[in-house]
N, C-alpha and C. Protein backbone atom coordinates (compact mmCIF):
# COMPACT_ATOMS: atom_id res chain seq x y z
N MET A 1 -20.11 -54.56 38.02
CA MET A 1 -20.77 -54.89 39.29
C MET A 1 -19.84 -55.86 39.81
N LYS A 2 -19.51 -56.18 41.22
CA LYS A 2 -18.77 -57.21 41.64
C LYS A 2 -19.22 -57.69 42.80
N ALA A 3 -18.86 -58.67 43.34
CA ALA A 3 -19.39 -59.33 44.74
C ALA A 3 -17.96 -60.01 45.40
N VAL A 4 -17.98 -59.66 46.80
CA VAL A 4 -16.82 -60.15 47.55
C VAL A 4 -17.37 -60.87 48.80
N GLY A 5 -17.08 -62.04 48.97
CA GLY A 5 -17.41 -62.82 50.22
C GLY A 5 -16.70 -63.92 50.44
N THR A 6 -17.19 -64.57 51.63
CA THR A 6 -16.81 -65.80 52.23
C THR A 6 -17.57 -66.87 51.52
N VAL A 7 -16.97 -67.97 51.04
CA VAL A 7 -17.54 -69.27 50.23
C VAL A 7 -18.32 -70.41 51.49
N PHE A 8 -19.52 -70.53 51.18
CA PHE A 8 -20.42 -71.60 51.88
C PHE A 8 -20.19 -72.41 50.41
N ARG A 9 -19.79 -73.87 50.99
CA ARG A 9 -19.28 -74.66 49.79
C ARG A 9 -20.52 -75.94 49.97
N TYR A 10 -21.46 -76.46 48.68
CA TYR A 10 -21.97 -77.57 49.16
C TYR A 10 -21.84 -78.17 47.57
N GLY A 11 -22.52 -79.78 47.62
CA GLY A 11 -22.09 -80.45 46.70
C GLY A 11 -23.33 -80.61 45.54
N ASP A 12 -23.16 -81.78 44.95
CA ASP A 12 -24.52 -82.20 43.92
C ASP A 12 -25.94 -81.89 44.31
N ASN A 13 -26.71 -81.54 43.30
CA ASN A 13 -28.06 -81.62 43.49
C ASN A 13 -28.83 -81.16 44.77
N ILE A 14 -28.33 -79.86 44.97
CA ILE A 14 -29.15 -79.15 46.18
C ILE A 14 -30.24 -78.77 45.66
N ASP A 15 -31.34 -79.48 46.07
CA ASP A 15 -32.70 -78.97 45.66
C ASP A 15 -33.43 -78.05 46.23
N THR A 16 -34.53 -77.26 45.69
CA THR A 16 -35.09 -76.15 46.24
C THR A 16 -35.88 -76.53 47.69
N ASP A 17 -35.95 -77.74 47.95
CA ASP A 17 -36.51 -78.19 49.29
C ASP A 17 -35.54 -78.31 50.35
N VAL A 18 -34.31 -78.22 49.93
CA VAL A 18 -32.87 -78.07 50.64
C VAL A 18 -32.93 -76.58 50.89
N ILE A 19 -32.77 -75.87 50.14
CA ILE A 19 -32.63 -74.26 49.94
C ILE A 19 -33.64 -73.88 51.00
N ILE A 20 -34.72 -73.94 50.95
CA ILE A 20 -35.96 -73.47 51.52
C ILE A 20 -37.14 -74.64 51.91
N PRO A 21 -36.81 -75.30 53.00
CA PRO A 21 -37.90 -76.42 53.07
C PRO A 21 -39.49 -75.92 52.85
N ALA A 22 -40.24 -76.91 52.48
CA ALA A 22 -41.48 -76.80 52.11
C ALA A 22 -42.09 -76.20 53.56
N ARG A 23 -42.02 -76.58 54.43
CA ARG A 23 -42.56 -76.24 55.84
C ARG A 23 -42.71 -74.79 56.06
N TYR A 24 -41.86 -74.03 55.43
CA TYR A 24 -41.57 -72.85 55.65
C TYR A 24 -42.19 -71.81 54.59
N LEU A 25 -42.92 -72.52 53.56
CA LEU A 25 -43.58 -71.83 52.40
C LEU A 25 -44.99 -70.97 52.64
N ASN A 26 -45.40 -71.02 54.09
CA ASN A 26 -46.54 -70.44 54.55
C ASN A 26 -46.51 -68.91 54.25
N THR A 27 -45.47 -68.26 53.91
CA THR A 27 -44.83 -67.03 53.62
C THR A 27 -44.22 -66.72 52.46
N SER A 28 -44.12 -65.54 52.00
CA SER A 28 -43.58 -65.19 50.97
C SER A 28 -42.53 -64.07 51.37
N ASP A 29 -42.56 -63.77 52.63
CA ASP A 29 -41.61 -62.51 53.06
C ASP A 29 -40.28 -62.82 52.84
N PRO A 30 -39.37 -62.10 52.18
CA PRO A 30 -38.03 -62.63 52.09
C PRO A 30 -37.07 -62.80 53.39
N GLN A 31 -37.18 -61.79 54.29
CA GLN A 31 -36.49 -61.79 55.14
C GLN A 31 -36.94 -63.22 56.48
N GLU A 32 -38.33 -63.44 56.37
CA GLU A 32 -38.71 -64.58 57.09
C GLU A 32 -38.06 -65.91 56.42
N LEU A 33 -38.34 -66.07 54.97
CA LEU A 33 -37.68 -67.04 54.33
C LEU A 33 -36.01 -67.41 54.75
N ALA A 34 -35.37 -66.12 54.70
CA ALA A 34 -33.88 -66.27 54.95
C ALA A 34 -33.51 -66.75 56.13
N GLN A 35 -34.27 -66.69 57.18
CA GLN A 35 -33.87 -67.36 58.46
C GLN A 35 -34.16 -68.75 58.24
N TYR A 36 -34.58 -69.27 57.23
CA TYR A 36 -34.74 -70.84 57.23
C TYR A 36 -33.75 -71.29 55.81
N CYS A 37 -33.14 -70.52 55.03
CA CYS A 37 -32.53 -70.64 54.32
C CYS A 37 -30.99 -71.83 54.29
N MET A 38 -31.35 -72.90 53.68
CA MET A 38 -30.42 -73.88 53.75
C MET A 38 -30.27 -74.94 55.14
N GLU A 39 -31.34 -74.44 55.85
CA GLU A 39 -31.51 -75.31 57.14
C GLU A 39 -31.46 -76.92 56.96
N ASP A 40 -31.94 -77.42 56.10
CA ASP A 40 -31.76 -78.80 56.13
C ASP A 40 -30.63 -79.45 55.75
N ILE A 41 -29.65 -78.79 55.24
CA ILE A 41 -28.27 -79.07 54.97
C ILE A 41 -27.26 -78.47 55.69
N ASP A 42 -27.73 -77.53 56.47
CA ASP A 42 -26.50 -76.71 56.97
C ASP A 42 -27.34 -75.55 58.26
N LEU A 43 -27.32 -76.18 59.31
CA LEU A 43 -27.94 -75.71 60.37
C LEU A 43 -27.55 -74.21 60.73
N THR A 44 -26.32 -74.16 60.46
CA THR A 44 -25.68 -72.81 61.01
C THR A 44 -25.63 -71.74 59.98
N PHE A 45 -25.99 -72.12 58.53
CA PHE A 45 -25.91 -71.42 57.54
C PHE A 45 -26.73 -69.89 57.95
N SER A 46 -27.76 -69.70 58.30
CA SER A 46 -28.39 -68.51 58.57
C SER A 46 -27.98 -67.39 59.85
N LYS A 47 -27.37 -68.18 60.63
CA LYS A 47 -26.33 -67.66 61.86
C LYS A 47 -24.88 -67.02 61.43
N LYS A 48 -24.07 -67.81 60.22
CA LYS A 48 -23.01 -67.31 59.89
C LYS A 48 -23.04 -66.46 58.60
N VAL A 49 -24.17 -66.57 57.79
CA VAL A 49 -23.70 -65.93 56.58
C VAL A 49 -24.05 -64.15 56.76
N LYS A 50 -23.06 -63.88 56.03
CA LYS A 50 -23.11 -62.35 56.01
C LYS A 50 -23.42 -61.66 54.51
N ASP A 51 -23.77 -60.22 54.58
CA ASP A 51 -23.84 -59.92 53.44
C ASP A 51 -22.82 -59.78 52.56
N GLY A 52 -22.94 -60.13 51.07
CA GLY A 52 -21.88 -60.49 50.37
C GLY A 52 -21.31 -61.71 50.16
N ASP A 53 -21.68 -62.58 50.93
CA ASP A 53 -21.08 -64.10 50.97
C ASP A 53 -21.70 -64.74 49.69
N ILE A 54 -20.51 -65.76 49.46
CA ILE A 54 -21.12 -66.36 48.09
C ILE A 54 -21.37 -68.02 48.40
N ILE A 55 -22.07 -68.58 47.73
CA ILE A 55 -22.33 -69.94 47.73
C ILE A 55 -21.83 -70.57 46.55
N VAL A 56 -21.10 -71.50 46.58
CA VAL A 56 -20.51 -72.60 45.51
C VAL A 56 -20.90 -73.96 45.62
N ALA A 57 -21.25 -74.35 44.65
CA ALA A 57 -21.83 -75.85 44.54
C ALA A 57 -21.55 -76.52 43.20
N ASP A 58 -21.59 -77.82 43.25
CA ASP A 58 -21.17 -78.40 42.15
C ASP A 58 -22.33 -78.78 41.24
N LYS A 59 -22.93 -79.84 40.73
CA LYS A 59 -23.79 -79.68 39.53
C LYS A 59 -25.30 -79.88 39.97
N ASN A 60 -26.24 -79.11 39.04
CA ASN A 60 -27.57 -79.32 39.10
C ASN A 60 -28.04 -78.19 40.52
N PHE A 61 -27.42 -77.37 40.76
CA PHE A 61 -27.87 -76.53 41.98
C PHE A 61 -29.19 -76.01 41.64
N GLY A 62 -30.11 -76.26 42.67
CA GLY A 62 -31.62 -75.57 42.60
C GLY A 62 -32.76 -76.55 41.46
N CYS A 63 -32.38 -77.79 41.62
CA CYS A 63 -33.27 -78.79 41.10
C CYS A 63 -34.62 -78.90 41.99
N GLY A 64 -35.37 -79.46 41.47
CA GLY A 64 -36.68 -79.31 42.29
C GLY A 64 -37.68 -78.79 41.59
N SER A 65 -38.63 -78.09 42.59
CA SER A 65 -39.70 -77.50 42.31
C SER A 65 -39.23 -76.23 41.59
N SER A 66 -40.45 -75.57 40.98
CA SER A 66 -40.29 -74.18 40.16
C SER A 66 -40.23 -73.21 41.08
N ARG A 67 -40.51 -73.25 42.43
CA ARG A 67 -40.90 -72.24 43.19
C ARG A 67 -39.61 -71.10 43.37
N GLU A 68 -40.14 -69.88 43.39
CA GLU A 68 -39.15 -68.65 43.21
C GLU A 68 -38.42 -68.21 44.70
N HIS A 69 -39.35 -69.15 45.58
CA HIS A 69 -38.95 -69.06 46.94
C HIS A 69 -37.39 -69.18 47.42
N ALA A 70 -37.07 -70.22 46.52
CA ALA A 70 -35.58 -70.55 46.89
C ALA A 70 -34.64 -69.35 46.50
N PRO A 71 -34.31 -69.02 45.48
CA PRO A 71 -33.48 -67.66 45.17
C PRO A 71 -33.90 -66.77 45.88
N ILE A 72 -35.01 -66.48 46.43
CA ILE A 72 -35.44 -65.35 47.08
C ILE A 72 -34.94 -65.49 48.54
N ALA A 73 -34.93 -66.65 49.17
CA ALA A 73 -34.11 -67.07 50.49
C ALA A 73 -32.96 -67.02 50.40
N ILE A 74 -32.22 -67.20 49.26
CA ILE A 74 -30.81 -67.04 49.06
C ILE A 74 -30.33 -65.38 49.23
N LYS A 75 -31.03 -64.87 48.25
CA LYS A 75 -30.92 -63.55 48.14
C LYS A 75 -31.04 -62.68 49.52
N ALA A 76 -31.96 -63.13 50.05
CA ALA A 76 -32.60 -62.28 51.26
C ALA A 76 -31.26 -62.66 52.49
N SER A 77 -30.95 -63.79 52.37
CA SER A 77 -29.93 -64.12 53.46
C SER A 77 -28.84 -63.46 53.47
N GLY A 78 -28.31 -62.88 52.35
CA GLY A 78 -27.38 -62.00 52.13
C GLY A 78 -26.22 -62.40 51.28
N ILE A 79 -26.20 -63.32 50.47
CA ILE A 79 -25.68 -64.04 49.44
C ILE A 79 -25.85 -63.15 48.37
N SER A 80 -24.39 -62.80 47.68
CA SER A 80 -24.32 -61.93 46.80
C SER A 80 -24.14 -62.46 45.44
N CYS A 81 -24.06 -63.84 45.26
CA CYS A 81 -23.83 -64.75 43.86
C CYS A 81 -23.82 -66.24 44.12
N VAL A 82 -24.16 -66.87 43.48
CA VAL A 82 -24.06 -68.39 43.51
C VAL A 82 -23.27 -68.90 42.27
N ILE A 83 -22.19 -69.69 42.47
CA ILE A 83 -21.19 -70.30 41.54
C ILE A 83 -21.56 -71.70 41.50
N ALA A 84 -21.90 -71.94 40.59
CA ALA A 84 -22.05 -73.77 40.27
C ALA A 84 -21.57 -74.52 38.80
N LYS A 85 -21.19 -75.59 38.95
CA LYS A 85 -20.86 -76.39 38.01
C LYS A 85 -21.92 -76.25 36.98
N THR A 86 -23.24 -76.41 37.27
CA THR A 86 -24.60 -76.17 36.46
C THR A 86 -25.78 -75.89 37.29
N PHE A 87 -26.44 -75.26 36.88
CA PHE A 87 -28.05 -74.96 37.53
C PHE A 87 -28.96 -75.53 36.83
N ALA A 88 -30.10 -76.20 37.66
CA ALA A 88 -31.27 -76.63 37.03
C ALA A 88 -31.77 -75.23 36.23
N ARG A 89 -32.55 -75.20 35.33
CA ARG A 89 -32.73 -74.26 34.27
C ARG A 89 -33.69 -73.44 35.04
N ILE A 90 -34.85 -73.93 35.49
CA ILE A 90 -35.92 -73.08 36.22
C ILE A 90 -35.38 -72.45 37.38
N PHE A 91 -34.29 -72.98 38.01
CA PHE A 91 -33.67 -72.09 39.23
C PHE A 91 -33.07 -70.98 38.59
N TYR A 92 -32.10 -71.11 37.42
CA TYR A 92 -31.22 -70.18 36.75
C TYR A 92 -32.38 -69.03 36.38
N ARG A 93 -33.44 -69.36 35.69
CA ARG A 93 -34.42 -68.40 35.29
C ARG A 93 -35.16 -67.56 36.50
N ASN A 94 -35.30 -68.42 37.36
CA ASN A 94 -35.77 -67.58 38.66
C ASN A 94 -34.85 -66.65 39.35
N ALA A 95 -33.77 -66.96 39.37
CA ALA A 95 -32.34 -66.37 40.07
C ALA A 95 -32.53 -64.84 39.23
N ILE A 96 -32.21 -65.20 37.99
CA ILE A 96 -32.08 -63.77 37.14
C ILE A 96 -33.32 -63.00 37.36
N ASN A 97 -34.51 -63.45 37.48
CA ASN A 97 -35.89 -62.67 37.30
C ASN A 97 -35.78 -61.93 38.76
N ILE A 98 -35.37 -62.62 39.83
CA ILE A 98 -35.28 -61.91 41.08
C ILE A 98 -34.07 -61.14 41.50
N GLY A 99 -33.28 -61.12 40.50
CA GLY A 99 -32.01 -60.27 40.44
C GLY A 99 -30.89 -60.88 41.20
N LEU A 100 -30.82 -62.25 41.56
CA LEU A 100 -29.62 -62.80 42.02
C LEU A 100 -28.79 -63.60 41.11
N PRO A 101 -27.47 -62.99 41.13
CA PRO A 101 -26.47 -63.22 40.08
C PRO A 101 -25.91 -64.82 40.55
N ILE A 102 -25.89 -65.50 39.13
CA ILE A 102 -25.58 -66.71 39.18
C ILE A 102 -24.50 -66.98 38.11
N LEU A 103 -23.55 -68.01 38.43
CA LEU A 103 -22.39 -67.89 37.30
C LEU A 103 -22.16 -69.75 37.28
N GLU A 104 -22.13 -69.94 36.19
CA GLU A 104 -21.54 -71.48 36.05
C GLU A 104 -20.31 -71.39 35.39
N CYS A 105 -19.31 -72.12 36.28
CA CYS A 105 -17.91 -72.16 36.15
C CYS A 105 -17.19 -73.52 36.75
N PRO A 106 -17.41 -74.79 36.17
CA PRO A 106 -16.87 -75.88 36.59
C PRO A 106 -15.61 -75.86 37.22
N GLU A 107 -14.43 -74.91 36.51
CA GLU A 107 -13.16 -74.69 36.91
C GLU A 107 -13.21 -74.01 38.41
N ALA A 108 -13.74 -73.02 38.40
CA ALA A 108 -13.81 -72.43 39.60
C ALA A 108 -14.21 -73.27 40.72
N VAL A 109 -15.48 -74.01 40.64
CA VAL A 109 -15.93 -74.83 41.39
C VAL A 109 -14.99 -76.11 42.22
N LYS A 110 -14.35 -76.33 41.11
CA LYS A 110 -13.14 -77.41 41.41
C LYS A 110 -12.03 -76.84 42.26
N GLY A 111 -11.84 -75.52 42.25
CA GLY A 111 -10.67 -74.95 42.84
C GLY A 111 -11.08 -73.95 44.19
N ILE A 112 -12.33 -73.96 44.55
CA ILE A 112 -12.80 -73.22 45.73
C ILE A 112 -13.28 -74.03 46.81
N SER A 113 -12.64 -73.68 48.04
CA SER A 113 -13.23 -74.53 49.20
C SER A 113 -14.00 -73.69 49.92
N GLU A 114 -14.87 -74.23 51.07
CA GLU A 114 -15.47 -73.61 52.08
C GLU A 114 -14.26 -72.53 52.60
N GLY A 115 -15.25 -71.46 53.06
CA GLY A 115 -14.30 -70.38 53.75
C GLY A 115 -13.22 -69.70 53.16
N ASP A 116 -13.31 -70.06 51.69
CA ASP A 116 -12.25 -68.96 51.04
C ASP A 116 -12.92 -67.72 50.93
N GLN A 117 -12.04 -66.72 50.48
CA GLN A 117 -12.54 -65.15 50.18
C GLN A 117 -12.53 -65.35 48.55
N VAL A 118 -13.68 -65.07 48.18
CA VAL A 118 -13.80 -64.84 46.69
C VAL A 118 -14.47 -63.59 46.15
N GLU A 119 -13.76 -62.84 44.91
CA GLU A 119 -14.22 -61.73 44.28
C GLU A 119 -15.00 -62.08 42.90
N VAL A 120 -15.88 -61.81 42.59
CA VAL A 120 -16.65 -62.04 41.40
C VAL A 120 -16.95 -60.73 40.64
N ASP A 121 -16.25 -60.61 39.39
CA ASP A 121 -16.46 -59.39 38.46
C ASP A 121 -17.59 -59.97 37.52
N PHE A 122 -18.97 -59.36 37.57
CA PHE A 122 -20.00 -59.84 36.98
C PHE A 122 -19.82 -59.09 35.32
N ASN A 123 -19.07 -58.26 35.33
CA ASN A 123 -18.94 -57.35 33.78
C ASN A 123 -17.97 -58.47 33.02
N THR A 124 -16.64 -58.83 33.58
CA THR A 124 -15.76 -59.69 32.87
C THR A 124 -16.32 -61.37 33.30
N GLY A 125 -16.87 -61.58 34.21
CA GLY A 125 -17.03 -63.16 34.36
C GLY A 125 -15.65 -63.45 35.10
N GLU A 126 -14.93 -62.65 35.79
CA GLU A 126 -13.81 -63.21 36.34
C GLU A 126 -14.15 -63.57 37.89
N ILE A 127 -13.61 -64.84 38.29
CA ILE A 127 -13.94 -65.27 39.68
C ILE A 127 -12.53 -65.45 40.07
N HIS A 128 -12.27 -64.42 41.06
CA HIS A 128 -10.97 -64.55 41.69
C HIS A 128 -10.90 -65.21 43.15
N ASN A 129 -10.22 -66.23 43.44
CA ASN A 129 -9.93 -66.80 44.72
C ASN A 129 -9.08 -65.93 45.28
N MET A 130 -9.16 -65.11 46.14
CA MET A 130 -8.30 -64.44 47.03
C MET A 130 -7.67 -65.00 47.93
N THR A 131 -8.17 -66.46 48.28
CA THR A 131 -7.43 -67.49 49.25
C THR A 131 -6.05 -67.96 48.61
N THR A 132 -6.38 -68.25 47.18
CA THR A 132 -5.27 -68.79 46.72
C THR A 132 -4.62 -68.21 45.60
N GLY A 133 -5.22 -67.17 45.37
CA GLY A 133 -4.27 -66.34 44.30
C GLY A 133 -4.96 -66.67 42.85
N ILE A 134 -6.00 -67.72 42.67
CA ILE A 134 -6.30 -68.11 41.11
C ILE A 134 -7.37 -67.50 40.96
N THR A 135 -7.64 -67.05 39.58
CA THR A 135 -8.60 -66.76 38.84
C THR A 135 -9.08 -67.45 37.87
N TYR A 136 -10.49 -67.41 37.66
CA TYR A 136 -11.19 -68.20 36.88
C TYR A 136 -12.09 -67.49 35.89
N LYS A 137 -12.47 -68.02 34.66
CA LYS A 137 -13.04 -67.13 33.98
C LYS A 137 -14.48 -68.01 33.64
N ALA A 138 -15.41 -67.31 34.02
CA ALA A 138 -16.88 -67.61 33.80
C ALA A 138 -17.47 -66.68 32.29
N GLN A 139 -18.44 -67.27 31.82
CA GLN A 139 -19.12 -66.37 30.91
C GLN A 139 -19.55 -65.23 31.56
N PRO A 140 -19.25 -64.05 31.11
CA PRO A 140 -20.17 -62.71 31.78
C PRO A 140 -21.41 -62.96 31.41
N PHE A 141 -22.13 -62.13 32.13
CA PHE A 141 -23.59 -61.78 31.90
C PHE A 141 -23.89 -60.94 30.77
N PRO A 142 -24.71 -61.23 29.61
CA PRO A 142 -24.92 -60.17 28.47
C PRO A 142 -25.73 -59.13 29.13
N GLU A 143 -25.42 -57.91 28.53
CA GLU A 143 -25.80 -56.58 29.10
C GLU A 143 -27.23 -56.38 29.49
N PHE A 144 -28.15 -56.91 28.79
CA PHE A 144 -29.45 -56.89 29.32
C PHE A 144 -29.85 -58.06 30.63
N MET A 145 -28.91 -58.73 31.02
CA MET A 145 -29.18 -59.57 32.10
C MET A 145 -28.31 -58.73 33.15
N GLN A 146 -27.28 -57.93 33.00
CA GLN A 146 -26.72 -57.11 33.93
C GLN A 146 -27.66 -56.02 34.18
N ARG A 147 -28.38 -55.69 33.36
CA ARG A 147 -29.36 -54.66 33.72
C ARG A 147 -30.53 -54.90 34.37
N ILE A 148 -31.11 -56.42 34.20
CA ILE A 148 -31.86 -56.96 35.01
C ILE A 148 -31.43 -57.35 36.52
N ILE A 149 -30.11 -57.33 36.71
CA ILE A 149 -29.62 -57.77 38.14
C ILE A 149 -29.51 -56.58 38.58
N ALA A 150 -28.80 -55.47 37.80
CA ALA A 150 -28.56 -53.97 38.77
C ALA A 150 -29.90 -53.15 39.20
N ALA A 151 -30.94 -53.81 38.28
CA ALA A 151 -32.57 -53.39 39.05
C ALA A 151 -33.01 -54.06 40.16
N ASN A 152 -32.23 -54.99 40.22
CA ASN A 152 -32.94 -55.96 41.41
C ASN A 152 -33.98 -56.55 40.94
N GLY A 153 -33.76 -57.19 39.97
CA GLY A 153 -34.75 -57.97 39.35
C GLY A 153 -35.80 -57.45 37.84
N LEU A 154 -36.53 -58.60 37.49
CA LEU A 154 -37.05 -58.14 36.01
C LEU A 154 -38.26 -57.26 36.44
N VAL A 155 -39.14 -57.39 37.45
CA VAL A 155 -40.15 -56.74 37.73
C VAL A 155 -39.82 -55.10 37.84
N ASN A 156 -38.68 -54.84 38.64
CA ASN A 156 -37.94 -53.61 38.70
C ASN A 156 -37.29 -53.34 37.41
N TYR A 157 -36.85 -54.00 36.76
CA TYR A 157 -36.20 -53.63 35.48
C TYR A 157 -37.48 -53.09 34.36
N VAL A 158 -38.45 -53.75 34.24
CA VAL A 158 -39.49 -53.27 33.57
C VAL A 158 -40.14 -51.97 33.93
N LYS A 159 -40.34 -51.86 35.51
CA LYS A 159 -40.78 -50.39 35.78
C LYS A 159 -39.75 -49.39 35.24
N GLU A 160 -38.46 -49.76 35.65
CA GLU A 160 -37.68 -48.66 35.19
C GLU A 160 -37.74 -48.12 33.76
N SER A 161 -37.79 -49.15 32.97
CA SER A 161 -37.57 -48.93 31.33
C SER A 161 -38.70 -48.31 30.87
N ARG A 162 -39.87 -48.27 31.76
CA ARG A 162 -41.18 -47.60 31.18
C ARG A 162 -41.10 -46.22 31.62
N ASN A 163 -40.20 -45.83 32.79
CA ASN A 163 -40.07 -44.40 32.89
C ASN A 163 -39.09 -43.52 32.35
């Protein structure tokens, strides 16, 4: 599995209320949530993001509430992967559960800028900054997590494994 896209770059402590503001939580429709994704930190995000794009952030991405709406909004917006120095643990779990690939790689975060073109190989953990030509190494997903992500989330993975 690979992802290739343009980078949207954010800093430390991007919380779930910034990812999807609470005022939009009257719906659980992924496409509607995507319209408001990152609105409180980047008004142009939902208009600029394209399928396959990548978010790169500093430490503690996804802190705050435990709602699944945040990774759902990110995934529905077209983001193929989030790379950060660290993730809030509940966000990490929610992201995998809904099939949003996320990687922790401080070196990549340090070397990747807004607008860079990046390719991520989830099988090897390689993060290649196509703009600078530099490749970074994150921990690849264990096989069971790759299957959950490939199935588009834990619920689908369980349904598929029962058949």
